[in-house]
Amino acid sequence: MKEGPTEDEAAARAAYEQLKLAIAKAVKTAEEVVDPDQAFIAAKRLVEVLRAGTSTSGALHARAAARIRSTFQLSYAALGLRLGIGKARAEQLDKLAARASKQGSS
C-alpha cells in the first residue's frame, strides 16, 4: 500500500506548481503592458516560450512511453492499455520518440 508521494513525485509536483505560477505571472505581466506594440511583442515572446516548452514536454512524453514499452517489452496494444490510450496513439508516441532520439544523435 502506497503511503504518499515519492520524493520524485513531490519534486515534480513542486516544479509543476512553480511553472503554473510563472506562466500566470508572465501572462499578467504581458496583459499589463500599456503600449500596444510592446504588448504584442510581450505576448509573442510568451507564445514562443510556451511553444518551445510544449515541444520539449511532448518529446519527453513520447520518450517516457517508449521507455515503458522497452522496459516491459510491451506490444503497442499492451502499451496503449497500460497508458489508457489507443494502440495507434501508443505506436505514434513510440515512433515520435525514435525520431527524436535519431535527431538528437545526429
N, C-alpha and C. Protein backbone atom coordinates (compact mmCIF):
# COMPACT_ATOMS: atom_id res chain seq x y z
N MET A 1 0.84 -1.18 0.00
CA MET A 1 0.00 0.00 0.00
C MET A 1 0.89 1.25 0.00
N LYS A 2 0.58 2.17 -0.86
CA LYS A 2 1.34 3.40 -1.00
C LYS A 2 1.01 4.37 0.13
N GLU A 3 2.05 4.94 0.74
CA GLU A 3 1.84 5.83 1.88
C GLU A 3 1.80 7.30 1.52
N GLY A 4 2.24 7.67 0.35
CA GLY A 4 2.26 9.07 -0.05
C GLY A 4 3.16 9.21 -1.25
N PRO A 5 3.29 10.43 -1.72
CA PRO A 5 4.11 10.64 -2.91
C PRO A 5 5.58 10.34 -2.64
N THR A 6 6.24 9.80 -3.65
CA THR A 6 7.68 9.57 -3.54
C THR A 6 8.39 10.92 -3.61
N GLU A 7 9.67 10.90 -3.33
CA GLU A 7 10.45 12.13 -3.41
C GLU A 7 10.42 12.71 -4.83
N ASP A 8 10.51 11.82 -5.84
CA ASP A 8 10.44 12.27 -7.24
C ASP A 8 9.09 12.91 -7.55
N GLU A 9 8.01 12.27 -7.08
CA GLU A 9 6.67 12.81 -7.33
C GLU A 9 6.48 14.17 -6.65
N ALA A 10 6.98 14.28 -5.43
CA ALA A 10 6.86 15.55 -4.71
C ALA A 10 7.65 16.65 -5.40
N ALA A 11 8.85 16.32 -5.87
CA ALA A 11 9.67 17.32 -6.58
C ALA A 11 8.99 17.73 -7.88
N ALA A 12 8.42 16.76 -8.59
CA ALA A 12 7.73 17.07 -9.84
C ALA A 12 6.52 17.96 -9.58
N ARG A 13 5.74 17.64 -8.56
CA ARG A 13 4.57 18.47 -8.22
C ARG A 13 4.98 19.90 -7.88
N ALA A 14 6.06 20.03 -7.13
CA ALA A 14 6.54 21.37 -6.77
C ALA A 14 6.99 22.14 -8.02
N ALA A 15 7.68 21.46 -8.92
CA ALA A 15 8.13 22.10 -10.16
C ALA A 15 6.93 22.51 -11.02
N TYR A 16 5.91 21.66 -11.11
CA TYR A 16 4.73 21.99 -11.91
C TYR A 16 4.00 23.19 -11.32
N GLU A 17 3.94 23.25 -9.99
CA GLU A 17 3.28 24.38 -9.34
C GLU A 17 4.06 25.67 -9.62
N GLN A 18 5.38 25.61 -9.55
CA GLN A 18 6.21 26.77 -9.87
C GLN A 18 6.00 27.20 -11.32
N LEU A 19 5.90 26.22 -12.22
CA LEU A 19 5.68 26.52 -13.63
C LEU A 19 4.34 27.21 -13.83
N LYS A 20 3.29 26.69 -13.19
CA LYS A 20 1.97 27.33 -13.31
C LYS A 20 2.01 28.77 -12.82
N LEU A 21 2.68 28.99 -11.70
CA LEU A 21 2.79 30.35 -11.16
C LEU A 21 3.57 31.26 -12.10
N ALA A 22 4.65 30.73 -12.68
CA ALA A 22 5.46 31.53 -13.61
C ALA A 22 4.66 31.87 -14.86
N ILE A 23 3.88 30.94 -15.36
CA ILE A 23 3.05 31.21 -16.54
C ILE A 23 2.01 32.28 -16.20
N ALA A 24 1.37 32.14 -15.06
CA ALA A 24 0.36 33.13 -14.66
C ALA A 24 0.99 34.51 -14.53
N LYS A 25 2.19 34.57 -13.96
CA LYS A 25 2.88 35.86 -13.80
C LYS A 25 3.24 36.44 -15.16
N ALA A 26 3.72 35.60 -16.08
CA ALA A 26 4.08 36.08 -17.41
C ALA A 26 2.86 36.60 -18.17
N VAL A 27 1.75 35.91 -18.05
CA VAL A 27 0.51 36.36 -18.70
C VAL A 27 0.07 37.69 -18.11
N LYS A 28 0.07 37.79 -16.79
CA LYS A 28 -0.35 39.03 -16.13
C LYS A 28 0.57 40.19 -16.55
N THR A 29 1.86 39.93 -16.57
CA THR A 29 2.82 40.97 -16.96
C THR A 29 2.56 41.42 -18.40
N ALA A 30 2.34 40.48 -19.31
CA ALA A 30 2.07 40.82 -20.71
C ALA A 30 0.76 41.59 -20.84
N GLU A 31 -0.23 41.22 -20.05
CA GLU A 31 -1.53 41.91 -20.11
C GLU A 31 -1.43 43.35 -19.60
N GLU A 32 -0.48 43.61 -18.74
CA GLU A 32 -0.35 44.94 -18.14
C GLU A 32 0.50 45.90 -18.97
N VAL A 33 1.08 45.42 -20.06
CA VAL A 33 1.88 46.32 -20.91
C VAL A 33 0.94 47.33 -21.54
N VAL A 34 1.24 48.60 -21.37
CA VAL A 34 0.35 49.68 -21.83
C VAL A 34 0.49 49.92 -23.34
N ASP A 35 1.70 50.04 -23.82
CA ASP A 35 1.92 50.32 -25.24
C ASP A 35 1.48 49.12 -26.08
N PRO A 36 0.58 49.33 -27.07
CA PRO A 36 0.06 48.23 -27.86
C PRO A 36 1.14 47.43 -28.61
N ASP A 37 2.13 48.12 -29.15
CA ASP A 37 3.20 47.42 -29.87
C ASP A 37 4.02 46.55 -28.91
N GLN A 38 4.33 47.12 -27.76
CA GLN A 38 5.09 46.36 -26.77
C GLN A 38 4.25 45.22 -26.18
N ALA A 39 2.95 45.43 -26.07
CA ALA A 39 2.05 44.37 -25.59
C ALA A 39 2.06 43.19 -26.57
N PHE A 40 2.05 43.51 -27.87
CA PHE A 40 2.11 42.45 -28.88
C PHE A 40 3.43 41.69 -28.76
N ILE A 41 4.54 42.41 -28.62
CA ILE A 41 5.86 41.78 -28.50
C ILE A 41 5.91 40.88 -27.26
N ALA A 42 5.37 41.36 -26.16
CA ALA A 42 5.35 40.57 -24.93
C ALA A 42 4.53 39.30 -25.10
N ALA A 43 3.38 39.43 -25.73
CA ALA A 43 2.53 38.26 -25.97
C ALA A 43 3.22 37.27 -26.92
N LYS A 44 3.89 37.80 -27.94
CA LYS A 44 4.60 36.95 -28.89
C LYS A 44 5.71 36.17 -28.20
N ARG A 45 6.45 36.84 -27.34
CA ARG A 45 7.53 36.16 -26.60
C ARG A 45 6.96 35.05 -25.73
N LEU A 46 5.85 35.32 -25.09
CA LEU A 46 5.21 34.31 -24.25
C LEU A 46 4.80 33.10 -25.09
N VAL A 47 4.21 33.35 -26.23
CA VAL A 47 3.81 32.26 -27.13
C VAL A 47 5.03 31.43 -27.54
N GLU A 48 6.13 32.10 -27.87
CA GLU A 48 7.34 31.39 -28.30
C GLU A 48 7.91 30.51 -27.18
N VAL A 49 7.92 31.04 -25.98
CA VAL A 49 8.44 30.27 -24.85
C VAL A 49 7.54 29.07 -24.56
N LEU A 50 6.23 29.30 -24.55
CA LEU A 50 5.30 28.21 -24.29
C LEU A 50 5.33 27.17 -25.41
N ARG A 51 5.48 27.61 -26.64
CA ARG A 51 5.58 26.67 -27.76
C ARG A 51 6.81 25.77 -27.60
N ALA A 52 7.93 26.36 -27.23
CA ALA A 52 9.15 25.58 -27.01
C ALA A 52 8.94 24.59 -25.86
N GLY A 53 8.29 25.03 -24.82
CA GLY A 53 8.01 24.14 -23.69
C GLY A 53 7.08 23.01 -24.07
N THR A 54 6.09 23.31 -24.89
CA THR A 54 5.16 22.28 -25.35
C THR A 54 5.88 21.25 -26.21
N SER A 55 6.74 21.71 -27.08
CA SER A 55 7.51 20.80 -27.93
C SER A 55 8.42 19.91 -27.09
N THR A 56 9.11 20.50 -26.15
CA THR A 56 10.02 19.75 -25.28
C THR A 56 9.26 18.74 -24.42
N SER A 57 8.16 19.16 -23.84
CA SER A 57 7.40 18.26 -22.98
C SER A 57 6.72 17.16 -23.80
N GLY A 58 6.34 17.46 -25.03
CA GLY A 58 5.76 16.43 -25.89
C GLY A 58 6.78 15.35 -26.22
N ALA A 59 8.01 15.76 -26.48
CA ALA A 59 9.08 14.78 -26.74
C ALA A 59 9.36 13.96 -25.49
N LEU A 60 9.35 14.60 -24.33
CA LEU A 60 9.54 13.88 -23.07
C LEU A 60 8.45 12.84 -22.87
N HIS A 61 7.23 13.22 -23.16
CA HIS A 61 6.06 12.35 -23.05
C HIS A 61 6.24 11.11 -23.95
N ALA A 62 6.67 11.34 -25.16
CA ALA A 62 6.88 10.24 -26.10
C ALA A 62 8.02 9.33 -25.62
N ARG A 63 9.11 9.92 -25.15
CA ARG A 63 10.24 9.12 -24.66
C ARG A 63 9.84 8.29 -23.45
N ALA A 64 9.00 8.85 -22.58
CA ALA A 64 8.55 8.12 -21.39
C ALA A 64 7.71 6.91 -21.81
N ALA A 65 6.85 7.09 -22.79
CA ALA A 65 6.04 5.97 -23.29
C ALA A 65 6.94 4.90 -23.91
N ALA A 66 7.92 5.34 -24.70
CA ALA A 66 8.84 4.39 -25.33
C ALA A 66 9.66 3.65 -24.27
N ARG A 67 10.03 4.34 -23.22
CA ARG A 67 10.79 3.71 -22.14
C ARG A 67 9.97 2.62 -21.46
N ILE A 68 8.70 2.88 -21.22
CA ILE A 68 7.81 1.87 -20.63
C ILE A 68 7.71 0.67 -21.57
N ARG A 69 7.51 0.95 -22.86
CA ARG A 69 7.39 -0.14 -23.84
C ARG A 69 8.64 -1.01 -23.85
N SER A 70 9.79 -0.35 -23.86
CA SER A 70 11.06 -1.07 -23.90
C SER A 70 11.33 -1.83 -22.61
N THR A 71 11.11 -1.20 -21.48
CA THR A 71 11.38 -1.81 -20.18
C THR A 71 10.56 -3.07 -19.96
N PHE A 72 9.29 -3.01 -20.34
CA PHE A 72 8.39 -4.11 -20.07
C PHE A 72 8.11 -4.98 -21.31
N GLN A 73 8.83 -4.68 -22.42
CA GLN A 73 8.69 -5.44 -23.66
C GLN A 73 7.21 -5.59 -24.07
N LEU A 74 6.54 -4.44 -24.19
CA LEU A 74 5.11 -4.42 -24.47
C LEU A 74 4.84 -4.24 -25.95
N SER A 75 3.77 -4.83 -26.40
CA SER A 75 3.26 -4.54 -27.74
C SER A 75 2.62 -3.16 -27.70
N TYR A 76 2.31 -2.61 -28.87
CA TYR A 76 1.62 -1.32 -28.89
C TYR A 76 0.25 -1.42 -28.21
N ALA A 77 -0.42 -2.53 -28.41
CA ALA A 77 -1.74 -2.71 -27.80
C ALA A 77 -1.61 -2.74 -26.27
N ALA A 78 -0.61 -3.46 -25.76
CA ALA A 78 -0.41 -3.54 -24.30
C ALA A 78 0.02 -2.19 -23.74
N LEU A 79 0.88 -1.48 -24.47
CA LEU A 79 1.29 -0.15 -24.03
C LEU A 79 0.09 0.78 -23.97
N GLY A 80 -0.74 0.71 -25.00
CA GLY A 80 -1.94 1.53 -25.02
C GLY A 80 -2.84 1.26 -23.82
N LEU A 81 -3.04 -0.01 -23.50
CA LEU A 81 -3.86 -0.38 -22.34
C LEU A 81 -3.24 0.17 -21.05
N ARG A 82 -1.94 0.01 -20.92
CA ARG A 82 -1.25 0.46 -19.72
C ARG A 82 -1.35 1.98 -19.53
N LEU A 83 -1.29 2.72 -20.65
CA LEU A 83 -1.31 4.18 -20.58
C LEU A 83 -2.71 4.77 -20.73
N GLY A 84 -3.69 3.93 -21.04
CA GLY A 84 -5.05 4.44 -21.21
C GLY A 84 -5.25 5.17 -22.53
N ILE A 85 -4.51 4.73 -23.55
CA ILE A 85 -4.62 5.32 -24.89
C ILE A 85 -4.81 4.19 -25.88
N GLY A 86 -5.11 4.53 -27.10
CA GLY A 86 -5.30 3.52 -28.13
C GLY A 86 -3.97 2.98 -28.65
N LYS A 87 -4.07 1.84 -29.31
CA LYS A 87 -2.89 1.20 -29.90
C LYS A 87 -2.20 2.13 -30.90
N ALA A 88 -2.99 2.80 -31.73
CA ALA A 88 -2.42 3.70 -32.74
C ALA A 88 -1.66 4.86 -32.09
N ARG A 89 -2.20 5.41 -31.01
CA ARG A 89 -1.52 6.50 -30.32
C ARG A 89 -0.25 6.00 -29.65
N ALA A 90 -0.28 4.80 -29.10
CA ALA A 90 0.92 4.21 -28.48
C ALA A 90 2.02 4.05 -29.53
N GLU A 91 1.65 3.58 -30.70
CA GLU A 91 2.63 3.42 -31.78
C GLU A 91 3.16 4.79 -32.21
N GLN A 92 2.27 5.76 -32.30
CA GLN A 92 2.67 7.12 -32.69
C GLN A 92 3.68 7.70 -31.69
N LEU A 93 3.44 7.52 -30.41
CA LEU A 93 4.36 8.02 -29.40
C LEU A 93 5.72 7.32 -29.51
N ASP A 94 5.70 6.03 -29.72
CA ASP A 94 6.95 5.27 -29.84
C ASP A 94 7.75 5.74 -31.05
N LYS A 95 7.09 5.95 -32.16
CA LYS A 95 7.78 6.41 -33.37
C LYS A 95 8.29 7.85 -33.21
N LEU A 96 7.53 8.68 -32.53
CA LEU A 96 7.97 10.04 -32.25
C LEU A 96 9.23 10.03 -31.39
N ALA A 97 9.26 9.16 -30.40
CA ALA A 97 10.44 9.04 -29.53
C ALA A 97 11.64 8.56 -30.33
N ALA A 98 11.42 7.63 -31.24
CA ALA A 98 12.52 7.13 -32.07
C ALA A 98 13.06 8.23 -32.96
N ARG A 99 12.17 9.03 -33.56
CA ARG A 99 12.61 10.15 -34.41
C ARG A 99 13.38 11.17 -33.60
N ALA A 100 12.88 11.49 -32.42
CA ALA A 100 13.55 12.47 -31.57
C ALA A 100 14.92 11.96 -31.14
N SER A 101 15.00 10.67 -30.87
CA SER A 101 16.27 10.07 -30.47
C SER A 101 17.26 10.10 -31.64
N LYS A 102 16.77 9.81 -32.83
CA LYS A 102 17.61 9.84 -34.03
C LYS A 102 18.11 11.25 -34.29
N GLN A 103 17.24 12.26 -34.15
CA GLN A 103 17.62 13.66 -34.36
C GLN A 103 18.62 14.12 -33.32
N GLY A 104 18.46 13.65 -32.09
CA GLY A 104 19.36 14.03 -31.03
C GLY A 104 20.75 13.44 -31.18
N SER A 105 20.85 12.32 -31.86
CA SER A 105 22.16 11.68 -32.02
C SER A 105 22.86 12.07 -33.31
N SER A 106 22.19 12.82 -34.19
CA SER A 106 22.84 13.23 -35.44
C SER A 106 23.35 14.64 -35.39
